[in-house]
Amino acid sequence: MPRKKTFDEKISRLEEIVAEMSSDQLSLEKSVKLYEEGMTLLKKCEDDLKSAEGKIALLTNNQSGYSELEEITEKDLEE
């Protein structure tokens, strides 16, 4: 079973695909194949980011002095 690619590896491959697709030397078939691979990788990267977003937590002190984890939402990141 192949090793699961890291987020950085997926991004690097996306960059390679963009560079390849910028070439004037690609056939239509190769362009479509690269586009499909790129879209698949993009979806996986988006899934990775959503998963990471769900795991991000902020350590805060509650009123009784105990630490608690507070989930950070997408709205918090926009502020």
C-alpha atoms as a PDB file:
ATOM      1  CA  MET A   1       0.000   0.000   0.000  1.00  0.00           C
ATOM      2  CA  PRO A   2       1.518   3.353  -1.020  1.00  0.00           C
ATOM      3  CA  ARG A   3       2.323   5.917   1.635  1.00  0.00           C
ATOM      4  CA  LYS A   4      -0.217   8.736   1.961  1.00  0.00           C
ATOM      5  CA  LYS A   5       1.165  12.006   0.557  1.00  0.00           C
ATOM      6  CA  THR A   6       1.607  14.903   2.944  1.00  0.00           C
ATOM      7  CA  PHE A   7      -0.121  18.225   2.372  1.00  0.00           C
ATOM      8  CA  ASP A   8       3.199  19.771   1.288  1.00  0.00           C
ATOM      9  CA  GLU A   9       3.814  16.962  -1.204  1.00  0.00           C
ATOM     10  CA  LYS A  10       0.360  17.504  -2.686  1.00  0.00           C
ATOM     11  CA  ILE A  11       0.978  21.242  -3.018  1.00  0.00           C
ATOM     12  CA  SER A  12       4.366  20.604  -4.644  1.00  0.00           C
ATOM     13  CA  ARG A  13       2.762  18.267  -7.168  1.00  0.00           C
ATOM     14  CA  LEU A  14       0.075  20.871  -7.892  1.00  0.00           C
ATOM     15  CA  GLU A  15       2.828  23.408  -8.594  1.00  0.00           C
ATOM     16  CA  GLU A  16       4.504  20.921 -10.961  1.00  0.00           C
ATOM     17  CA  ILE A  17       1.205  20.367 -12.761  1.00  0.00           C
ATOM     18  CA  VAL A  18       0.656  24.110 -13.205  1.00  0.00           C
ATOM     19  CA  ALA A  19       4.174  24.490 -14.608  1.00  0.00           C
ATOM     20  CA  GLU A  20       3.646  21.562 -16.998  1.00  0.00           C
ATOM     21  CA  MET A  21       0.294  22.898 -18.156  1.00  0.00           C
ATOM     22  CA  SER A  22       1.886  26.284 -18.882  1.00  0.00           C
ATOM     23  CA  SER A  23       3.983  24.588 -21.558  1.00  0.00           C
ATOM     24  CA  ASP A  24       2.957  24.910 -25.191  1.00  0.00           C
ATOM     25  CA  GLN A  25       4.210  21.381 -25.860  1.00  0.00           C
ATOM     26  CA  LEU A  26       1.358  19.401 -24.262  1.00  0.00           C
ATOM     27  CA  SER A  27      -1.144  17.369 -26.206  1.00  0.00           C
ATOM     28  CA  LEU A  28      -4.818  17.766 -25.433  1.00  0.00           C
ATOM     29  CA  GLU A  29      -4.899  14.292 -23.867  1.00  0.00           C
ATOM     30  CA  LYS A  30      -1.949  15.062 -21.577  1.00  0.00           C
ATOM     31  CA  SER A  31      -3.489  18.417 -20.605  1.00  0.00           C
ATOM     32  CA  VAL A  32      -6.781  16.747 -19.659  1.00  0.00           C
ATOM     33  CA  LYS A  33      -4.964  14.059 -17.668  1.00  0.00           C
ATOM     34  CA  LEU A  34      -2.957  16.687 -15.753  1.00  0.00           C
ATOM     35  CA  TYR A  35      -6.105  18.748 -15.155  1.00  0.00           C
ATOM     36  CA  GLU A  36      -7.889  15.726 -13.687  1.00  0.00           C
ATOM     37  CA  GLU A  37      -4.915  14.935 -11.442  1.00  0.00           C
ATOM     38  CA  GLY A  38      -4.733  18.562 -10.342  1.00  0.00           C
ATOM     39  CA  MET A  39      -8.422  18.743  -9.478  1.00  0.00           C
ATOM     40  CA  THR A  40      -8.163  15.511  -7.465  1.00  0.00           C
ATOM     41  CA  LEU A  41      -5.167  16.879  -5.555  1.00  0.00           C
ATOM     42  CA  LEU A  42      -6.933  20.198  -4.990  1.00  0.00           C
ATOM     43  CA  LYS A  43      -9.917  18.415  -3.434  1.00  0.00           C
ATOM     44  CA  LYS A  44      -7.601  16.396  -1.178  1.00  0.00           C
ATOM     45  CA  CYS A  45      -5.782  19.584  -0.100  1.00  0.00           C
ATOM     46  CA  GLU A  46      -9.104  21.273   0.679  1.00  0.00           C
ATOM     47  CA  ASP A  47     -10.116  18.237   2.747  1.00  0.00           C
ATOM     48  CA  ASP A  48      -6.775  18.374   4.606  1.00  0.00           C
ATOM     49  CA  LEU A  49      -7.292  22.065   5.378  1.00  0.00           C
ATOM     50  CA  LYS A  50     -10.847  21.513   6.619  1.00  0.00           C
ATOM     51  CA  SER A  51      -9.621  18.690   8.834  1.00  0.00           C
ATOM     52  CA  ALA A  52      -6.822  20.853  10.248  1.00  0.00           C
ATOM     53  CA  GLU A  53      -9.235  23.735  10.811  1.00  0.00           C
ATOM     54  CA  GLY A  54     -11.419  21.435  12.881  1.00  0.00           C
ATOM     55  CA  LYS A  55      -8.463  20.445  15.066  1.00  0.00           C
ATOM     56  CA  ILE A  56      -7.149  23.939  15.766  1.00  0.00           C
ATOM     57  CA  ALA A  57      -7.783  24.865  19.364  1.00  0.00           C
ATOM     58  CA  LEU A  58      -6.943  27.875  21.456  1.00  0.00           C
ATOM     59  CA  LEU A  59      -5.766  27.383  25.012  1.00  0.00           C
ATOM     60  CA  THR A  60      -7.587  29.806  27.264  1.00  0.00           C
ATOM     61  CA  ASN A  61      -8.115  30.230  30.960  1.00  0.00           C
ATOM     62  CA  ASN A  62     -11.641  29.930  32.228  1.00  0.00           C
ATOM     63  CA  GLN A  63     -12.939  31.838  35.237  1.00  0.00           C
ATOM     64  CA  SER A  64     -11.893  29.200  37.770  1.00  0.00           C
ATOM     65  CA  GLY A  65      -8.285  29.323  36.587  1.00  0.00           C
ATOM     66  CA  TYR A  66      -8.330  26.008  34.769  1.00  0.00           C
ATOM     67  CA  SER A  67      -7.182  25.767  31.208  1.00  0.00           C
ATOM     68  CA  GLU A  68      -9.666  24.689  28.598  1.00  0.00           C
ATOM     69  CA  LEU A  69      -9.562  24.132  24.873  1.00  0.00           C
ATOM     70  CA  GLU A  70     -11.691  26.427  22.781  1.00  0.00           C
ATOM     71  CA  GLU A  71     -12.322  25.456  19.178  1.00  0.00           C
ATOM     72  CA  ILE A  72     -11.453  28.111  16.612  1.00  0.00           C
ATOM     73  CA  THR A  73     -14.061  28.500  13.905  1.00  0.00           C
ATOM     74  CA  GLU A  74     -13.705  29.875  10.402  1.00  0.00           C
ATOM     75  CA  LYS A  75     -15.412  33.067  11.638  1.00  0.00           C
ATOM     76  CA  ASP A  76     -12.691  33.531  14.296  1.00  0.00           C
ATOM     77  CA  LEU A  77      -9.985  33.247  11.638  1.00  0.00           C
ATOM     78  CA  GLU A  78     -11.603  35.993   9.552  1.00  0.00           C
ATOM     79  CA  GLU A  79     -11.516  38.533  12.409  1.00  0.00           C
END
